[in-house]
C-alpha atoms as a PDB file:
ATOM      1  CA  UNK A   1     144.429 103.915  47.157  1.00  0.00           C
ATOM      2  CA  UNK A   2     144.426 103.574  51.108  1.00  0.00           C
ATOM      3  CA  UNK A   3     147.109 101.723  53.095  1.00  0.00           C
ATOM      4  CA  UNK A   4     145.064  99.165  55.171  1.00  0.00           C
ATOM      5  CA  UNK A   5     147.880  97.923  56.818  1.00  0.00           C
ATOM      6  CA  UNK A   6     148.113 101.358  58.796  1.00  0.00           C
ATOM      7  CA  UNK A   7     146.821 101.410  62.509  1.00  0.00           C
ATOM      8  CA  UNK A   8     143.240 103.029  63.637  1.00  0.00           C
ATOM      9  CA  UNK A   9     142.318 104.464  66.771  1.00  0.00           C
ATOM     10  CA  UNK A  10     139.327 105.289  68.443  1.00  0.00           C
ATOM     11  CA  UNK A  11     138.823 109.066  70.221  1.00  0.00           C
ATOM     12  CA  UNK A  12     139.597 107.136  73.301  1.00  0.00           C
ATOM     13  CA  UNK A  13     142.897 106.840  71.863  1.00  0.00           C
ATOM     14  CA  UNK A  14     142.633 102.317  71.887  1.00  0.00           C
ATOM     15  CA  UNK A  15     143.177 100.746  68.614  1.00  0.00           C
ATOM     16  CA  UNK A  16     140.701  99.716  66.267  1.00  0.00           C
ATOM     17  CA  UNK A  17     140.426  96.953  63.516  1.00  0.00           C
ATOM     18  CA  UNK A  18     139.392  99.612  60.932  1.00  0.00           C
ATOM     19  CA  UNK A  19     140.641  99.969  57.413  1.00  0.00           C
ATOM     20  CA  UNK A  20     141.706 103.780  56.802  1.00  0.00           C
ATOM     21  CA  UNK A  21     139.357 105.358  54.049  1.00  0.00           C
ATOM     22  CA  UNK A  22     142.481 107.269  52.306  1.00  0.00           C
ATOM     23  CA  UNK A  23     146.103 107.813  51.945  1.00  0.00           C
ATOM     24  CA  UNK A  24     146.291 110.878  53.490  1.00  0.00           C
ATOM     25  CA  UNK A  25     148.344 110.894  56.650  1.00  0.00           C
ATOM     26  CA  UNK A  26     145.303 111.359  58.789  1.00  0.00           C
ATOM     27  CA  UNK A  27     142.317 109.997  57.682  1.00  0.00           C
ATOM     28  CA  UNK A  28     138.850 108.298  58.711  1.00  0.00           C
ATOM     29  CA  UNK A  29     138.388 104.630  59.182  1.00  0.00           C
ATOM     30  CA  UNK A  30     135.828 102.222  58.760  1.00  0.00           C
ATOM     31  CA  UNK A  31     135.219  98.360  59.299  1.00  0.00           C
ATOM     32  CA  UNK A  32     135.731  96.356  55.958  1.00  0.00           C
ATOM     33  CA  UNK A  33     132.050  95.967  55.839  1.00  0.00           C
ATOM     34  CA  UNK A  34     131.074  99.968  55.567  1.00  0.00           C
ATOM     35  CA  UNK A  35     131.453 102.173  52.883  1.00  0.00           C
ATOM     36  CA  UNK A  36     133.432 104.747  53.389  1.00  0.00           C
ATOM     37  CA  UNK A  37     132.081 108.498  52.481  1.00  0.00           C
ATOM     38  CA  UNK A  38     133.909 111.613  51.577  1.00  0.00           C
ATOM     39  CA  UNK A  39     132.448 113.802  54.917  1.00  0.00           C
ATOM     40  CA  UNK A  40     133.971 111.278  57.059  1.00  0.00           C
ATOM     41  CA  UNK A  41     131.305 108.961  57.820  1.00  0.00           C
ATOM     42  CA  UNK A  42     130.910 105.456  57.407  1.00  0.00           C
ATOM     43  CA  UNK A  43     127.951 103.648  56.033  1.00  0.00           C
ATOM     44  CA  UNK A  44     126.901 100.136  57.350  1.00  0.00           C
ATOM     45  CA  UNK A  45     124.762  98.349  54.713  1.00  0.00           C
ATOM     46  CA  UNK A  46     125.000  95.261  56.151  1.00  0.00           C
ATOM     47  CA  UNK A  47     120.966  95.523  57.321  1.00  0.00           C
ATOM     48  CA  UNK A  48     118.408  98.019  56.032  1.00  0.00           C
ATOM     49  CA  UNK A  49     117.671 100.929  57.084  1.00  0.00           C
ATOM     50  CA  UNK A  50     121.410 101.603  56.311  1.00  0.00           C
ATOM     51  CA  UNK A  51     123.076 104.129  59.116  1.00  0.00           C
ATOM     52  CA  UNK A  52     125.825 106.412  58.955  1.00  0.00           C
ATOM     53  CA  UNK A  53     128.407 106.633  61.709  1.00  0.00           C
ATOM     54  CA  UNK A  54     131.826 108.265  62.736  1.00  0.00           C
ATOM     55  CA  UNK A  55     134.708 105.276  62.859  1.00  0.00           C
ATOM     56  CA  UNK A  56     137.778 105.553  64.212  1.00  0.00           C
ATOM     57  CA  UNK A  57     141.006 107.518  62.456  1.00  0.00           C
ATOM     58  CA  UNK A  58     144.765 106.930  61.760  1.00  0.00           C
ATOM     59  CA  UNK A  59     145.479 109.847  63.957  1.00  0.00           C
ATOM     60  CA  UNK A  60     145.688 108.438  67.408  1.00  0.00           C
ATOM     61  CA  UNK A  61     145.550 112.363  68.722  1.00  0.00           C
ATOM     62  CA  UNK A  62     142.440 112.992  66.608  1.00  0.00           C
ATOM     63  CA  UNK A  63     143.552 116.395  65.570  1.00  0.00           C
ATOM     64  CA  UNK A  64     141.671 118.145  62.447  1.00  0.00           C
ATOM     65  CA  UNK A  65     142.380 115.812  59.981  1.00  0.00           C
ATOM     66  CA  UNK A  66     139.738 112.991  61.593  1.00  0.00           C
ATOM     67  CA  UNK A  67     136.144 112.961  61.462  1.00  0.00           C
ATOM     68  CA  UNK A  68     134.936 115.696  64.254  1.00  0.00           C
ATOM     69  CA  UNK A  69     131.278 114.417  64.329  1.00  0.00           C
ATOM     70  CA  UNK A  70     130.804 112.651  68.107  1.00  0.00           C
ATOM     71  CA  UNK A  71     133.928 111.991  68.762  1.00  0.00           C
ATOM     72  CA  UNK A  72     133.209 112.897  72.561  1.00  0.00           C
ATOM     73  CA  UNK A  73     130.078 110.052  72.430  1.00  0.00           C
ATOM     74  CA  UNK A  74     131.190 106.409  72.923  1.00  0.00           C
ATOM     75  CA  UNK A  75     135.072 107.294  72.763  1.00  0.00           C
ATOM     76  CA  UNK A  76     136.075 103.388  73.010  1.00  0.00           C
ATOM     77  CA  UNK A  77     133.985 102.805  69.683  1.00  0.00           C
ATOM     78  CA  UNK A  78     131.894 103.644  66.652  1.00  0.00           C
ATOM     79  CA  UNK A  79     128.970 105.999  67.058  1.00  0.00           C
ATOM     80  CA  UNK A  80     125.844 105.996  64.895  1.00  0.00           C
ATOM     81  CA  UNK A  81     124.415 109.290  63.503  1.00  0.00           C
ATOM     82  CA  UNK A  82     120.754 109.358  63.437  1.00  0.00           C
ATOM     83  CA  UNK A  83     118.518 112.241  62.075  1.00  0.00           C
ATOM     84  CA  UNK A  84     116.631 114.356  63.867  1.00  0.00           C
ATOM     85  CA  UNK A  85     114.613 116.693  61.827  1.00  0.00           C
ATOM     86  CA  UNK A  86     114.461 117.211  58.097  1.00  0.00           C
ATOM     87  CA  UNK A  87     112.713 120.733  57.097  1.00  0.00           C
ATOM     88  CA  UNK A  88     112.232 122.558  54.386  1.00  0.00           C
ATOM     89  CA  UNK A  89     115.583 120.183  52.440  1.00  0.00           C
ATOM     90  CA  UNK A  90     117.435 120.726  55.379  1.00  0.00           C
ATOM     91  CA  UNK A  91     118.223 117.605  57.711  1.00  0.00           C
ATOM     92  CA  UNK A  92     119.933 117.872  61.165  1.00  0.00           C
ATOM     93  CA  UNK A  93     121.252 114.703  63.149  1.00  0.00           C
ATOM     94  CA  UNK A  94     122.350 113.239  67.014  1.00  0.00           C
ATOM     95  CA  UNK A  95     124.939 111.348  68.083  1.00  0.00           C
ATOM     96  CA  UNK A  96     122.766 108.536  68.961  1.00  0.00           C
ATOM     97  CA  UNK A  97     119.470 108.100  69.403  1.00  0.00           C
ATOM     98  CA  UNK A  98     117.049 110.870  69.656  1.00  0.00           C
ATOM     99  CA  UNK A  99     114.758 110.978  72.461  1.00  0.00           C
ATOM    100  CA  UNK A 100     111.555 112.475  73.784  1.00  0.00           C
ATOM    101  CA  UNK A 101     111.201 115.569  76.402  1.00  0.00           C
ATOM    102  CA  UNK A 102     107.508 116.066  76.696  1.00  0.00           C
ATOM    103  CA  UNK A 103     106.064 116.849  73.375  1.00  0.00           C
ATOM    104  CA  UNK A 104     109.772 117.570  72.253  1.00  0.00           C
ATOM    105  CA  UNK A 105     112.309 114.752  70.494  1.00  0.00           C
ATOM    106  CA  UNK A 106     115.577 115.770  71.580  1.00  0.00           C
ATOM    107  CA  UNK A 107     119.078 114.815  71.109  1.00  0.00           C
ATOM    108  CA  UNK A 108     120.056 112.627  74.041  1.00  0.00           C
ATOM    109  CA  UNK A 109     122.770 113.764  76.804  1.00  0.00           C
ATOM    110  CA  UNK A 110     121.666 116.973  76.216  1.00  0.00           C
ATOM    111  CA  UNK A 111     123.769 117.597  73.074  1.00  0.00           C
ATOM    112  CA  UNK A 112     122.913 119.879  70.277  1.00  0.00           C
ATOM    113  CA  UNK A 113     122.008 118.567  66.990  1.00  0.00           C
ATOM    114  CA  UNK A 114     123.896 119.390  63.793  1.00  0.00           C
ATOM    115  CA  UNK A 115     124.095 119.609  60.122  1.00  0.00           C
ATOM    116  CA  UNK A 116     126.329 116.986  57.966  1.00  0.00           C
ATOM    117  CA  UNK A 117     127.554 118.115  54.118  1.00  0.00           C
ATOM    118  CA  UNK A 118     126.891 115.751  51.708  1.00  0.00           C
ATOM    119  CA  UNK A 119     129.401 113.028  50.534  1.00  0.00           C
ATOM    120  CA  UNK A 120     129.922 110.517  48.245  1.00  0.00           C
ATOM    121  CA  UNK A 121     130.673 107.028  48.507  1.00  0.00           C
ATOM    122  CA  UNK A 122     134.701 106.436  48.492  1.00  0.00           C
ATOM    123  CA  UNK A 123     135.691 103.541  46.031  1.00  0.00           C
ATOM    124  CA  UNK A 124     138.799 101.500  46.329  1.00  0.00           C
ATOM    125  CA  UNK A 125     138.674 100.846  50.179  1.00  0.00           C
ATOM    126  CA  UNK A 126     136.272  99.161  52.415  1.00  0.00           C
ATOM    127  CA  UNK A 127     133.654  97.366  51.266  1.00  0.00           C
ATOM    128  CA  UNK A 128     133.634  98.730  47.822  1.00  0.00           C
ATOM    129  CA  UNK A 129     137.566  98.226  47.341  1.00  0.00           C
ATOM    130  CA  UNK A 130     137.034  96.476  44.629  1.00  0.00           C
ATOM    131  CA  UNK A 131     134.811  98.939  42.802  1.00  0.00           C
ATOM    132  CA  UNK A 132     136.873 101.340  40.914  1.00  0.00           C
ATOM    133  CA  UNK A 133     134.795 104.131  40.668  1.00  0.00           C
ATOM    134  CA  UNK A 134     131.292 105.960  41.704  1.00  0.00           C
ATOM    135  CA  UNK A 135     129.263 108.872  40.950  1.00  0.00           C
ATOM    136  CA  UNK A 136     126.583 107.936  43.991  1.00  0.00           C
ATOM    137  CA  UNK A 137     126.283 110.935  46.101  1.00  0.00           C
ATOM    138  CA  UNK A 138     124.473 110.641  49.723  1.00  0.00           C
ATOM    139  CA  UNK A 139     123.643 112.124  52.918  1.00  0.00           C
ATOM    140  CA  UNK A 140     122.990 110.200  56.296  1.00  0.00           C
ATOM    141  CA  UNK A 141     119.688 108.021  56.192  1.00  0.00           C
ATOM    142  CA  UNK A 142     117.075 109.283  59.112  1.00  0.00           C
ATOM    143  CA  UNK A 143     116.698 105.994  61.119  1.00  0.00           C
ATOM    144  CA  UNK A 144     116.421 105.324  64.958  1.00  0.00           C
ATOM    145  CA  UNK A 145     117.933 102.740  67.218  1.00  0.00           C
ATOM    146  CA  UNK A 146     116.938 100.395  69.886  1.00  0.00           C
ATOM    147  CA  UNK A 147     118.928 102.162  72.465  1.00  0.00           C
ATOM    148  CA  UNK A 148     120.674 105.650  73.278  1.00  0.00           C
ATOM    149  CA  UNK A 149     124.190 103.857  72.824  1.00  0.00           C
ATOM    150  CA  UNK A 150     126.365 105.070  69.698  1.00  0.00           C
ATOM    151  CA  UNK A 151     127.103 101.715  68.638  1.00  0.00           C
ATOM    152  CA  UNK A 152     123.637  99.897  68.313  1.00  0.00           C
ATOM    153  CA  UNK A 153     122.318  99.111  64.795  1.00  0.00           C
ATOM    154  CA  UNK A 154     119.375 101.024  63.414  1.00  0.00           C
ATOM    155  CA  UNK A 155     116.087  99.279  63.201  1.00  0.00           C
ATOM    156  CA  UNK A 156     113.228 101.865  62.327  1.00  0.00           C
ATOM    157  CA  UNK A 157     113.161 104.477  59.866  1.00  0.00           C
ATOM    158  CA  UNK A 158     112.614 108.058  61.147  1.00  0.00           C
ATOM    159  CA  UNK A 159     111.663 111.733  59.914  1.00  0.00           C
ATOM    160  CA  UNK A 160     112.679 112.628  56.742  1.00  0.00           C
ATOM    161  CA  UNK A 161     115.106 110.505  54.374  1.00  0.00           C
ATOM    162  CA  UNK A 162     118.046 112.672  52.329  1.00  0.00           C
ATOM    163  CA  UNK A 163     117.417 111.674  48.976  1.00  0.00           C
ATOM    164  CA  UNK A 164     120.562 111.559  48.042  1.00  0.00           C
ATOM    165  CA  UNK A 165     120.923 108.412  49.877  1.00  0.00           C
ATOM    166  CA  UNK A 166     118.737 106.531  47.607  1.00  0.00           C
ATOM    167  CA  UNK A 167     121.888 106.750  45.105  1.00  0.00           C
ATOM    168  CA  UNK A 168     124.262 104.887  47.287  1.00  0.00           C
ATOM    169  CA  UNK A 169     121.679 102.462  48.205  1.00  0.00           C
ATOM    170  CA  UNK A 170     121.400 101.472  44.497  1.00  0.00           C
ATOM    171  CA  UNK A 171     125.434 101.446  44.238  1.00  0.00           C
ATOM    172  CA  UNK A 172     125.356  99.016  47.705  1.00  0.00           C
ATOM    173  CA  UNK A 173     122.256  96.835  45.930  1.00  0.00           C
ATOM    174  CA  UNK A 174     123.911  96.505  42.893  1.00  0.00           C
ATOM    175  CA  UNK A 175     127.211  95.056  44.181  1.00  0.00           C
ATOM    176  CA  UNK A 176     125.603  92.290  46.243  1.00  0.00           C
ATOM    177  CA  UNK A 177     123.273  91.202  43.236  1.00  0.00           C
ATOM    178  CA  UNK A 178     126.623  90.660  41.457  1.00  0.00           C
ATOM    179  CA  UNK A 179     127.820  88.851  43.480  1.00  0.00           C
ATOM    180  CA  UNK A 180     124.681  86.746  44.176  1.00  0.00           C
ATOM    181  CA  UNK A 181     124.366  85.830  40.060  1.00  0.00           C
ATOM    182  CA  UNK A 182     127.990  84.821  40.217  1.00  0.00           C
ATOM    183  CA  UNK A 183     127.126  82.129  43.015  1.00  0.00           C
ATOM    184  CA  UNK A 184     124.168  80.849  41.535  1.00  0.00           C
ATOM    185  CA  UNK A 185     125.768  80.161  38.186  1.00  0.00           C
ATOM    186  CA  UNK A 186     128.101  78.254  39.579  1.00  0.00           C
ATOM    187  CA  UNK A 187     125.128  76.058  41.324  1.00  0.00           C
ATOM    188  CA  UNK A 188     122.657  75.676  38.752  1.00  0.00           C
ATOM    189  CA  UNK A 189     122.996  72.154  37.370  1.00  0.00           C
ATOM    190  CA  UNK A 190     123.064  72.291  33.204  1.00  0.00           C
ATOM    191  CA  UNK A 191     119.753  71.180  31.362  1.00  0.00           C
ATOM    192  CA  UNK A 192     119.765  67.971  29.012  1.00  0.00           C
ATOM    193  CA  UNK A 193     118.203  68.555  25.661  1.00  0.00           C
ATOM    194  CA  UNK A 194     116.001  65.271  24.850  1.00  0.00           C
ATOM    195  CA  UNK A 195     113.354  64.447  22.540  1.00  0.00           C
ATOM    196  CA  UNK A 196     109.228  63.199  22.985  1.00  0.00           C
ATOM    197  CA  UNK A 197     108.021  60.095  20.697  1.00  0.00           C
ATOM    198  CA  UNK A 198     107.211  62.784  18.232  1.00  0.00           C
ATOM    199  CA  UNK A 199     110.410  64.062  17.539  1.00  0.00           C
ATOM    200  CA  UNK A 200     110.222  67.609  19.219  1.00  0.00           C
ATOM    201  CA  UNK A 201     112.967  68.797  21.748  1.00  0.00           C
ATOM    202  CA  UNK A 202     112.325  70.138  24.997  1.00  0.00           C
ATOM    203  CA  UNK A 203     114.485  71.348  27.741  1.00  0.00           C
ATOM    204  CA  UNK A 204     114.471  68.713  30.939  1.00  0.00           C
ATOM    205  CA  UNK A 205     116.421  69.458  34.127  1.00  0.00           C
ATOM    206  CA  UNK A 206     118.689  66.390  35.320  1.00  0.00           C
ATOM    207  CA  UNK A 207     117.540  66.697  38.912  1.00  0.00           C
ATOM    208  CA  UNK A 208     113.769  65.884  38.653  1.00  0.00           C
ATOM    209  CA  UNK A 209     112.091  64.632  42.556  1.00  0.00           C
ATOM    210  CA  UNK A 210     110.787  61.419  42.426  1.00  0.00           C
ATOM    211  CA  UNK A 211     106.840  61.208  41.664  1.00  0.00           C
ATOM    212  CA  UNK A 212     104.031  58.496  42.137  1.00  0.00           C
ATOM    213  CA  UNK A 213     102.885  57.739  38.689  1.00  0.00           C
ATOM    214  CA  UNK A 214      98.700  58.369  38.604  1.00  0.00           C
ATOM    215  CA  UNK A 215      96.904  55.242  39.196  1.00  0.00           C
ATOM    216  CA  UNK A 216      93.576  54.613  37.144  1.00  0.00           C
ATOM    217  CA  UNK A 217      90.984  52.149  37.359  1.00  0.00           C
ATOM    218  CA  UNK A 218      89.933  49.473  34.757  1.00  0.00           C
ATOM    219  CA  UNK A 219      86.768  50.727  32.749  1.00  0.00           C
ATOM    220  CA  UNK A 220      85.333  47.860  33.440  1.00  0.00           C
ATOM    221  CA  UNK A 221      85.643  47.871  37.121  1.00  0.00           C
ATOM    222  CA  UNK A 222      83.766  51.080  37.296  1.00  0.00           C
ATOM    223  CA  UNK A 223      81.054  49.543  35.468  1.00  0.00           C
ATOM    224  CA  UNK A 224      80.645  46.697  37.430  1.00  0.00           C
ATOM    225  CA  UNK A 225      80.616  49.135  40.875  1.00  0.00           C
ATOM    226  CA  UNK A 226      77.402  51.208  39.101  1.00  0.00           C
ATOM    227  CA  UNK A 227      75.114  48.352  38.416  1.00  0.00           C
END
């Protein structure tokens, strides 16, 4: 279990409000609403498509124990890591949103693309602090962001989504659905069992909206109008 009281720092050395992802002396940190990954990344699952990124670290000097991805980009904050290519089962990524250069798509700021090893979700920390174990594995999803800034939220799908991300999506969705079901159970009013005139029981909710009774004209009135 990671000690969430330890201070985390951005590459600039300024403190962040993130939580540590492990009990290691030097470890990556993510926001409490993200999923910590074993490859050092943070996965934001607040909105779809999900976005991977570099968070902060417990080592103020950002030594080898800290995530080394994109630490020179947006040094006073996090940095989204976006898919550039996906060919022959190999995905490459950029720090921030890829840009067009004529007919080519390249990483911003003239930076080189890179690969990221497959990781699994770390339970017991950050968003999964109440989850004990998981076998879900994932690679960062391929997404685009609206600007070149590292910390913007991704809004579109890019080229080639690594298949491992599906398992983690299912894990996160299961957690949110479980919370939703619990909330619904506390809000749904109980039903009342009553009997009709024929003695047959049926279910009726206690809360029924008022409705106007159907109006029918007398048969004699209708006949007089037709004469």
